[in-house]
Amino acid sequence: MQKRRYLAVAAALAVASPLALSAASPAFAEPAPAVTAAGSTVQELEKALAEARTAYAEAMRARIEAYDKVEALLEYDKDNPPALVVAAEKARKAADEAKAALDAAAKRVDDAKAALAEADEAGKAAAEQELADAELALADARQHHLEAAEAAEQAGTELDDARVAVLRDYELAKKAEKAAEEALAKAEAALEKARQCKKDKALKAKAIGLPEQLVAGERATFTFRMTNGSEHTLDIRPLTFVLIDSGGDQDDLKAEWKDGDGWKALETAESPDVTFAGVEPGERVDIRMRLTLDKDAEKGHAVAAFAVDPAEDAVPCLYGPMKSYDLEVLPAGSTPNPSPSGSGDPSASPSPSPSPTGSATASPSAAPGASPQGGTGGGLAATGAEVTSVALTAASALVLGAGAVAVSRRRKAGARS
């Protein structure tokens, strides 16, 4: 998710100005909402898709095999008929031959009877013997014909049953293939929707205790607070930008965040490498951060911005608008303006912290003489305005170069792609 948000900006920078990007950013920032099975993760949906693909391939193979069997019994090569067809044809011919033998035996009896009726005393005995033999042969022919006819009927029934069976199996295979294809389409759609992300303004980012003015040679410590105001339990991670955008050198500003191992440096377009799992609706989590200006920093202007981003493979994939703070950079020895009224101490309202992947602390303290913004700084932030991450990334990339922004995102092992 984060990586995609940066790369979209990097592509746009080649043809757009910061103002144009800011105006166009809602189109980039409002993808279709994720619609997935309740409780599903992207990994589970990917597994379901793989299984659906396997099932569809198997159903297709079964349908092809079923059709091959139909062809074998109904559309076979006349010079190479299947065994059931051969057996049925052989039985039918045997029954036909038995019928012919029966007819011949019946005619023999009729002929014997006629001969006996015309025989004189000398030939009567022979005629009687021929009739007896003919009648015995007729009885044998009748039995043989009965057995042959039954065998032919059985072979024909078996062939018909086999043909009905392969046609039935083929129809069932076609239905199974269609069902598997529909299931595959649903699995693909579910994964695609899960990978799409939706902006949710209820995900709030706020810098508590961040001064409006930074003095060269001094340090400002503040709290980056993320609040889950959505209706979902979410896995979230912080998204941050801190840069000098005029009147100074970017190297003069050092940004750090604190975890269980102490303070860790951040690059300009880098965010704290921490994930908070299972942040419930209404719950908030804090990350301790600080900015340090080099003692030789010149007068100028800086920008700090913060947002709530979804963790890797989070479902639903929701991200919050970015909150921007204008910071005036003052040379060493300057006296910052007094703290504005209503700037609360973040330590007065501690926030619960779900177990993160990587630990972030929330022990607030303000730099001496600093004017904490309390979430409402100068410029855009002073009016309570929120800028999208796409617009802010564009501004950052203009200063740093789009390549630096993209590279900084690739360093996050958990970046959504």
Protein backbone atom coordinates (compact mmCIF):
# COMPACT_ATOMS: atom_id res chain seq x y z
CA MET A 1 0.00 0.00 0.00
CA GLN A 2 2.64 2.56 1.05
CA LYS A 3 4.91 1.69 -1.85
CA ARG A 4 2.08 2.11 -4.34
CA ARG A 5 1.22 5.53 -2.87
CA TYR A 6 4.79 6.73 -3.45
CA LEU A 7 5.18 5.28 -6.94
CA ALA A 8 1.95 6.87 -8.14
CA VAL A 9 3.36 10.26 -7.18
CA ALA A 10 6.76 9.59 -8.74
CA ALA A 11 5.08 8.88 -12.09
CA ALA A 12 2.95 12.02 -11.89
CA LEU A 13 5.88 14.29 -11.07
CA ALA A 14 7.21 14.05 -14.60
CA VAL A 15 4.22 15.95 -16.02
CA ALA A 16 2.50 17.74 -13.13
CA SER A 17 3.18 20.69 -10.86
CA PRO A 18 2.67 20.47 -7.06
CA LEU A 19 -0.54 22.46 -7.38
CA ALA A 20 -1.90 20.18 -10.07
CA LEU A 21 -0.95 17.11 -8.06
CA SER A 22 -2.64 18.49 -4.98
CA ALA A 23 -5.81 19.18 -6.95
CA ALA A 24 -5.77 15.77 -8.61
CA SER A 25 -4.82 13.78 -5.54
CA PRO A 26 -8.37 12.82 -4.45
CA ALA A 27 -8.70 10.75 -7.63
CA PHE A 28 -5.58 8.85 -6.67
CA ALA A 29 -6.53 8.67 -3.02
CA GLU A 30 -10.04 7.27 -3.38
CA PRO A 31 -9.79 3.73 -4.84
CA ALA A 32 -12.74 1.36 -4.68
CA PRO A 33 -13.58 0.05 -1.20
CA ALA A 34 -12.43 -3.40 -0.18
CA VAL A 35 -15.16 -6.02 -0.05
CA THR A 36 -14.00 -9.35 1.33
CA ALA A 37 -15.23 -12.18 3.48
CA ALA A 38 -15.36 -11.18 7.12
CA GLY A 39 -12.15 -12.02 8.92
CA SER A 40 -10.24 -12.91 5.76
CA THR A 41 -6.65 -11.81 5.37
CA VAL A 42 -4.91 -11.22 2.07
CA GLN A 43 -2.85 -14.38 2.65
CA GLU A 44 -6.04 -16.38 3.18
CA LEU A 45 -7.57 -14.89 0.05
CA GLU A 46 -4.41 -15.66 -1.93
CA LYS A 47 -4.56 -19.24 -0.67
CA ALA A 48 -8.25 -19.45 -1.58
CA LEU A 49 -7.46 -18.12 -5.06
CA ALA A 50 -4.70 -20.70 -5.55
CA GLU A 51 -7.09 -23.43 -4.45
CA ALA A 52 -9.79 -22.09 -6.78
CA ARG A 53 -7.36 -22.11 -9.69
CA THR A 54 -6.37 -25.69 -8.92
CA ALA A 55 -10.02 -26.71 -8.63
CA TYR A 56 -10.87 -25.03 -11.92
CA ALA A 57 -7.96 -26.71 -13.69
CA GLU A 58 -9.05 -30.06 -12.27
CA ALA A 59 -12.67 -29.45 -13.30
CA MET A 60 -11.56 -28.52 -16.80
CA ARG A 61 -9.46 -31.67 -17.02
CA ALA A 62 -12.39 -33.77 -15.79
CA ARG A 63 -14.70 -32.20 -18.37
CA ILE A 64 -12.24 -32.96 -21.17
CA GLU A 65 -11.87 -36.54 -20.00
CA ALA A 66 -15.66 -36.88 -19.80
CA TYR A 67 -16.03 -35.66 -23.36
CA ASP A 68 -13.36 -38.07 -24.53
CA LYS A 69 -15.49 -40.89 -23.12
CA VAL A 70 -18.55 -39.54 -24.95
CA GLU A 71 -16.60 -39.53 -28.19
CA ALA A 72 -15.38 -43.06 -27.49
CA LEU A 73 -18.91 -44.43 -27.30
CA LEU A 74 -20.86 -42.13 -29.62
CA GLU A 75 -18.41 -40.63 -32.10
CA TYR A 76 -15.80 -43.37 -32.35
CA ASP A 77 -13.70 -44.38 -35.32
CA LYS A 78 -15.66 -47.01 -37.17
CA ASP A 79 -12.46 -48.90 -37.91
CA ASN A 80 -11.56 -49.02 -34.23
CA PRO A 81 -14.74 -49.35 -32.18
CA PRO A 82 -14.66 -49.58 -28.37
CA ALA A 83 -14.93 -52.94 -26.62
CA LEU A 84 -18.56 -52.45 -25.55
CA VAL A 85 -19.59 -51.70 -29.11
CA VAL A 86 -17.67 -54.74 -30.36
CA ALA A 87 -19.26 -56.97 -27.73
CA ALA A 88 -22.77 -55.69 -28.48
CA GLU A 89 -22.29 -56.17 -32.20
CA LYS A 90 -20.89 -59.66 -31.70
CA ALA A 91 -23.82 -60.61 -29.46
CA ARG A 92 -26.31 -59.21 -31.97
CA LYS A 93 -24.76 -61.21 -34.80
CA ALA A 94 -24.80 -64.34 -32.65
CA ALA A 95 -28.48 -63.75 -31.89
CA ASP A 96 -29.19 -63.26 -35.61
CA GLU A 97 -27.35 -66.48 -36.42
CA ALA A 98 -29.25 -68.33 -33.69
CA LYS A 99 -32.53 -67.01 -35.13
CA ALA A 100 -31.56 -68.21 -38.57
CA ALA A 101 -30.66 -71.62 -37.14
CA LEU A 102 -34.00 -71.69 -35.32
CA ASP A 103 -35.86 -70.87 -38.50
CA ALA A 104 -33.94 -73.58 -40.31
CA ALA A 105 -34.71 -76.11 -37.58
CA ALA A 106 -38.40 -75.21 -37.70
CA LYS A 107 -38.43 -75.65 -41.47
CA ARG A 108 -36.72 -79.02 -41.08
CA VAL A 109 -39.50 -80.12 -38.74
CA ASP A 110 -42.12 -78.92 -41.19
CA ASP A 111 -40.38 -80.74 -44.03
CA ALA A 112 -40.07 -83.90 -41.91
CA LYS A 113 -43.77 -83.80 -41.12
CA ALA A 114 -44.65 -83.42 -44.79
CA ALA A 115 -42.33 -86.26 -45.76
CA LEU A 116 -43.85 -88.54 -43.15
CA ALA A 117 -47.33 -87.80 -44.43
CA GLU A 118 -46.36 -88.87 -47.99
CA ALA A 119 -44.11 -91.81 -47.02
CA ASP A 120 -45.16 -95.43 -47.90
CA GLU A 121 -44.77 -98.35 -45.52
CA ALA A 122 -41.18 -98.92 -46.61
CA GLY A 123 -40.13 -95.31 -46.00
CA LYS A 124 -42.29 -94.56 -42.98
CA ALA A 125 -39.75 -95.64 -40.40
CA ALA A 126 -37.07 -93.43 -41.88
CA ALA A 127 -39.46 -90.48 -42.09
CA GLU A 128 -40.45 -90.91 -38.45
CA GLN A 129 -36.79 -90.93 -37.41
CA GLU A 130 -36.08 -87.73 -39.41
CA LEU A 131 -39.00 -85.98 -37.75
CA ALA A 132 -37.79 -87.00 -34.30
CA ASP A 133 -34.27 -85.77 -35.09
CA ALA A 134 -35.67 -82.51 -36.52
CA GLU A 135 -37.76 -81.88 -33.45
CA LEU A 136 -34.73 -82.46 -31.17
CA ALA A 137 -32.69 -80.05 -33.31
CA LEU A 138 -35.51 -77.51 -33.13
CA ALA A 139 -35.55 -77.72 -29.34
CA ASP A 140 -31.79 -77.16 -29.25
CA ALA A 141 -32.09 -74.22 -31.70
CA ARG A 142 -34.82 -72.65 -29.61
CA GLN A 143 -32.64 -72.88 -26.46
CA HIS A 144 -29.60 -71.53 -28.28
CA HIS A 145 -31.63 -68.67 -29.77
CA LEU A 146 -33.09 -67.81 -26.37
CA GLU A 147 -29.62 -67.64 -24.81
CA ALA A 148 -28.19 -65.65 -27.75
CA ALA A 149 -31.08 -63.21 -27.69
CA GLU A 150 -30.68 -62.66 -23.96
CA ALA A 151 -26.92 -62.15 -24.40
CA ALA A 152 -27.54 -59.64 -27.19
CA GLU A 153 -30.09 -57.79 -25.12
CA GLN A 154 -27.71 -57.65 -22.16
CA ALA A 155 -24.82 -56.43 -24.32
CA GLY A 156 -27.06 -53.79 -25.89
CA THR A 157 -28.31 -52.67 -22.48
CA GLU A 158 -24.75 -52.40 -21.20
CA LEU A 159 -23.82 -50.29 -24.22
CA ASP A 160 -26.87 -48.06 -23.79
CA ASP A 161 -26.22 -47.70 -20.05
CA ALA A 162 -22.61 -46.81 -20.75
CA ARG A 163 -23.66 -44.19 -23.28
CA VAL A 164 -26.18 -42.69 -20.85
CA ALA A 165 -23.54 -42.73 -18.11
CA VAL A 166 -20.89 -40.92 -20.16
CA LEU A 167 -23.42 -38.32 -21.32
CA ARG A 168 -24.59 -37.81 -17.74
CA ASP A 169 -21.01 -37.58 -16.50
CA TYR A 170 -20.20 -35.11 -19.24
CA GLU A 171 -23.11 -32.87 -18.27
CA LEU A 172 -22.12 -33.06 -14.62
CA ALA A 173 -18.52 -32.28 -15.56
CA LYS A 174 -19.64 -29.23 -17.53
CA LYS A 175 -21.67 -28.00 -14.56
CA ALA A 176 -18.75 -28.63 -12.20
CA GLU A 177 -16.40 -26.74 -14.52
CA LYS A 178 -18.80 -23.81 -14.70
CA ALA A 179 -19.16 -23.76 -10.91
CA ALA A 180 -15.37 -23.90 -10.51
CA GLU A 181 -14.98 -21.07 -13.02
CA GLU A 182 -17.50 -18.95 -11.11
CA ALA A 183 -15.75 -19.75 -7.83
CA LEU A 184 -12.42 -18.73 -9.39
CA ALA A 185 -13.89 -15.45 -10.60
CA LYS A 186 -15.23 -14.75 -7.10
CA ALA A 187 -11.86 -15.58 -5.52
CA GLU A 188 -10.08 -13.29 -7.99
CA ALA A 189 -12.56 -10.49 -7.33
CA ALA A 190 -12.29 -10.93 -3.55
CA LEU A 191 -8.50 -10.71 -3.65
CA GLU A 192 -8.56 -7.75 -6.02
CA LYS A 193 -10.98 -5.87 -3.76
CA ALA A 194 -8.91 -6.76 -0.71
CA ARG A 195 -5.84 -5.28 -2.36
CA GLN A 196 -7.66 -2.06 -3.13
CA CYS A 197 -7.53 0.52 -0.39
CA LYS A 198 -9.98 3.17 0.74
CA LYS A 199 -9.34 6.47 2.41
CA ASP A 200 -11.10 6.81 5.76
CA LYS A 201 -11.07 10.24 7.39
CA ALA A 202 -11.83 8.60 10.72
CA LEU A 203 -8.19 7.45 10.88
CA LYS A 204 -6.59 10.46 12.52
CA ALA A 205 -2.93 11.42 12.65
CA LYS A 206 -1.77 14.15 15.00
CA ALA A 207 1.54 15.58 16.20
CA ILE A 208 1.19 16.55 19.84
CA GLY A 209 3.79 18.93 21.21
CA LEU A 210 5.35 19.73 17.83
CA PRO A 211 6.47 23.40 17.90
CA GLU A 212 5.70 25.87 15.16
CA GLN A 213 9.28 27.14 15.29
CA LEU A 214 12.51 25.15 15.33
CA VAL A 215 15.69 26.82 16.56
CA ALA A 216 19.07 25.79 15.14
CA GLY A 217 21.07 23.75 17.61
CA GLU A 218 17.98 22.72 19.60
CA ARG A 219 15.79 19.64 19.72
CA ALA A 220 11.99 19.32 19.65
CA THR A 221 10.43 16.17 21.06
CA PHE A 222 6.79 15.39 20.35
CA THR A 223 4.24 12.58 20.13
CA PHE A 224 2.83 11.22 16.87
CA ARG A 225 -0.64 9.96 17.79
CA MET A 226 -2.72 7.66 15.59
CA THR A 227 -6.42 7.26 16.40
CA ASN A 228 -8.61 4.55 14.91
CA GLY A 229 -11.98 6.27 14.60
CA SER A 230 -13.24 3.71 12.09
CA GLU A 231 -15.68 0.86 12.73
CA HIS A 232 -13.03 -1.79 12.18
CA THR A 233 -10.27 -3.38 14.22
CA LEU A 234 -7.18 -2.61 12.18
CA ASP A 235 -3.50 -3.39 11.80
CA ILE A 236 -1.86 -0.02 11.18
CA ARG A 237 1.54 1.57 10.73
CA PRO A 238 2.72 5.20 10.73
CA LEU A 239 3.46 7.23 7.61
CA THR A 240 5.70 10.29 8.11
CA PHE A 241 7.50 13.00 6.10
CA VAL A 242 9.83 15.61 7.54
CA LEU A 243 11.82 17.97 5.31
CA ILE A 244 13.26 21.44 4.93
CA ASP A 245 11.62 22.80 1.80
CA SER A 246 13.14 26.28 1.62
CA GLY A 247 15.99 28.41 2.98
CA GLY A 248 18.26 25.66 4.19
CA ASP A 249 19.89 22.28 3.66
CA GLN A 250 17.92 19.10 4.21
CA ASP A 251 20.90 17.62 6.03
CA ASP A 252 20.47 20.28 8.73
CA LEU A 253 17.28 18.56 9.98
CA LYS A 254 17.49 15.20 11.74
CA ALA A 255 14.33 13.20 12.45
CA GLU A 256 14.23 10.29 14.90
CA TRP A 257 11.69 7.96 16.49
CA LYS A 258 11.95 5.91 19.65
CA ASP A 259 11.34 2.22 20.18
CA GLY A 260 12.34 -0.20 22.92
CA ASP A 261 15.96 -0.09 21.77
CA GLY A 262 16.22 3.70 21.85
CA TRP A 263 16.19 6.46 19.26
CA LYS A 264 16.43 5.56 15.57
CA ALA A 265 17.15 7.95 12.73
CA LEU A 266 14.70 8.48 9.87
CA GLU A 267 15.40 9.66 6.36
CA THR A 268 13.26 12.46 4.96
CA ALA A 269 10.74 10.19 3.25
CA GLU A 270 11.05 7.32 5.72
CA SER A 271 8.53 6.23 8.34
CA PRO A 272 9.05 4.43 11.67
CA ASP A 273 9.33 0.70 11.05
CA VAL A 274 6.62 -0.43 13.43
CA THR A 275 3.22 -2.11 13.04
CA PHE A 276 0.41 -1.94 15.57
CA ALA A 277 -1.80 -5.02 15.40
CA GLY A 278 -5.44 -5.17 16.43
CA VAL A 279 -6.09 -1.48 17.08
CA GLU A 280 -9.75 -1.45 18.03
CA PRO A 281 -12.34 1.20 17.08
CA GLY A 282 -11.81 4.32 19.19
CA GLU A 283 -8.36 3.19 20.31
CA ARG A 284 -5.20 5.26 19.79
CA VAL A 285 -1.48 4.55 19.76
CA ASP A 286 1.47 6.90 20.21
CA ILE A 287 4.99 7.03 18.80
CA ARG A 288 7.64 9.25 20.39
CA MET A 289 9.56 11.35 17.85
CA ARG A 290 12.01 14.23 17.84
CA LEU A 291 13.49 16.74 15.41
CA THR A 292 16.98 18.19 15.82
CA LEU A 293 18.31 21.18 13.88
CA ASP A 294 22.01 21.55 13.19
CA LYS A 295 23.51 24.52 15.03
CA ASP A 296 24.51 26.09 11.69
CA ALA A 297 21.05 25.79 10.12
CA GLU A 298 19.88 28.88 8.28
CA LYS A 299 16.53 30.61 8.57
CA GLY A 300 13.97 28.83 6.42
CA HIS A 301 10.87 26.69 6.37
CA ALA A 302 10.20 23.01 7.02
CA VAL A 303 7.24 20.70 6.67
CA ALA A 304 6.25 17.73 8.80
CA ALA A 305 3.34 15.49 7.86
CA PHE A 306 1.79 12.39 9.33
CA ALA A 307 -0.83 9.79 8.37
CA VAL A 308 -2.18 6.39 9.41
CA ASP A 309 -1.41 3.67 6.90
CA PRO A 310 -2.61 0.05 6.70
CA ALA A 311 -0.19 -2.67 7.68
CA GLU A 312 0.93 -5.20 5.13
CA ASP A 313 -2.01 -7.26 3.84
CA ALA A 314 -4.45 -5.50 6.20
CA VAL A 315 -8.12 -6.27 5.52
CA PRO A 316 -9.97 -4.01 5.26
CA CYS A 317 -7.28 -1.83 3.69
CA LEU A 318 -8.01 1.62 5.09
CA TYR A 319 -5.70 4.63 5.28
CA GLY A 320 -6.15 8.06 6.71
CA PRO A 321 -5.61 11.55 5.30
CA MET A 322 -2.25 13.15 5.88
CA LYS A 323 -1.92 15.95 8.44
CA SER A 324 0.59 18.67 7.51
CA TYR A 325 2.44 21.05 9.84
CA ASP A 326 4.36 24.16 8.77
CA LEU A 327 7.57 24.71 10.75
CA GLU A 328 9.57 27.93 10.79
CA VAL A 329 13.33 27.33 10.95
CA LEU A 330 15.13 29.95 13.08
CA PRO A 331 18.90 30.50 13.32
CA ALA A 332 20.79 29.66 16.50
CA GLY A 333 20.11 31.96 19.44
CA SER A 334 16.63 32.95 18.26
CA THR A 335 13.77 33.19 20.74
CA PRO A 336 10.67 31.31 19.57
CA ASN A 337 7.18 32.72 20.00
CA PRO A 338 5.35 31.93 23.23
CA SER A 339 3.37 28.73 23.39
CA PRO A 340 -0.19 29.28 22.12
CA SER A 341 -2.98 28.74 24.58
CA GLY A 342 -4.70 25.37 24.63
CA SER A 343 -1.60 23.39 23.70
CA GLY A 344 -2.02 20.45 25.99
CA ASP A 345 0.62 18.22 27.39
CA PRO A 346 0.28 14.83 25.68
CA SER A 347 1.31 13.10 28.88
CA ALA A 348 -1.93 14.28 30.49
CA SER A 349 -3.96 11.78 28.52
CA PRO A 350 -2.05 8.55 28.09
CA SER A 351 -3.21 6.28 25.31
CA PRO A 352 -3.43 2.51 25.23
CA SER A 353 -0.91 0.86 22.93
CA PRO A 354 -1.62 -2.46 21.23
CA SER A 355 1.34 -4.78 20.91
CA PRO A 356 3.34 -3.53 17.92
CA THR A 357 5.62 -5.43 15.60
CA GLY A 358 8.58 -3.41 16.80
CA SER A 359 8.03 -1.36 19.92
CA ALA A 360 7.23 2.34 20.02
CA THR A 361 7.28 4.43 23.20
CA ALA A 362 5.05 7.30 24.19
CA SER A 363 6.81 9.22 26.95
CA PRO A 364 6.06 12.85 25.93
CA SER A 365 8.23 15.84 26.67
CA ALA A 366 8.47 19.19 24.89
CA ALA A 367 11.68 21.00 23.99
CA PRO A 368 12.45 24.00 26.21
CA GLY A 369 11.13 27.23 24.75
CA ALA A 370 9.24 25.48 21.95
CA SER A 371 5.70 26.36 20.92
CA PRO A 372 3.79 23.08 20.68
CA GLN A 373 1.28 22.94 17.86
CA GLY A 374 -0.93 20.37 19.54
CA GLY A 375 -2.16 19.23 16.17
CA THR A 376 -2.90 22.68 14.72
CA GLY A 377 0.24 24.23 13.28
CA GLY A 378 0.75 27.03 10.81
CA GLY A 379 -0.16 26.99 7.13
CA LEU A 380 -2.51 24.20 6.19
CA ALA A 381 -2.41 22.64 9.63
CA ALA A 382 -3.27 25.90 11.32
CA THR A 383 -6.65 25.91 9.60
CA GLY A 384 -7.25 22.27 10.37
CA ALA A 385 -6.75 21.31 6.72
CA GLU A 386 -5.79 17.78 5.76
CA VAL A 387 -3.78 16.94 2.67
CA THR A 388 -3.75 13.56 1.01
CA SER A 389 -0.60 11.49 1.15
CA VAL A 390 -0.37 11.65 -2.65
CA ALA A 391 -0.24 15.46 -2.63
CA LEU A 392 2.29 15.62 0.19
CA THR A 393 4.45 12.94 -1.37
CA ALA A 394 4.47 15.06 -4.51
CA ALA A 395 5.77 18.06 -2.57
CA SER A 396 8.40 15.89 -0.89
CA ALA A 397 9.47 14.35 -4.16
CA LEU A 398 9.97 17.75 -5.75
CA VAL A 399 12.53 18.54 -3.06
CA LEU A 400 14.13 15.12 -2.79
CA GLY A 401 13.60 13.73 -6.24
CA ALA A 402 11.04 11.05 -7.04
CA GLY A 403 13.75 8.39 -7.13
CA ALA A 404 14.72 9.03 -3.52
CA VAL A 405 11.10 8.73 -2.42
CA ALA A 406 10.60 5.42 -4.21
CA VAL A 407 13.87 4.01 -2.87
CA SER A 408 13.01 5.00 0.70
CA ARG A 409 9.73 3.08 0.44
CA ARG A 410 11.38 -0.05 -0.91
CA ARG A 411 13.43 -0.22 2.26
CA LYS A 412 10.29 -1.11 4.18
CA ALA A 413 10.10 -4.87 4.13
CA GLY A 414 6.40 -4.76 4.85
CA ALA A 415 5.45 -2.28 2.12
CA ARG A 416 2.32 -3.32 0.23
CA SER A 417 2.95 -3.83 -3.44
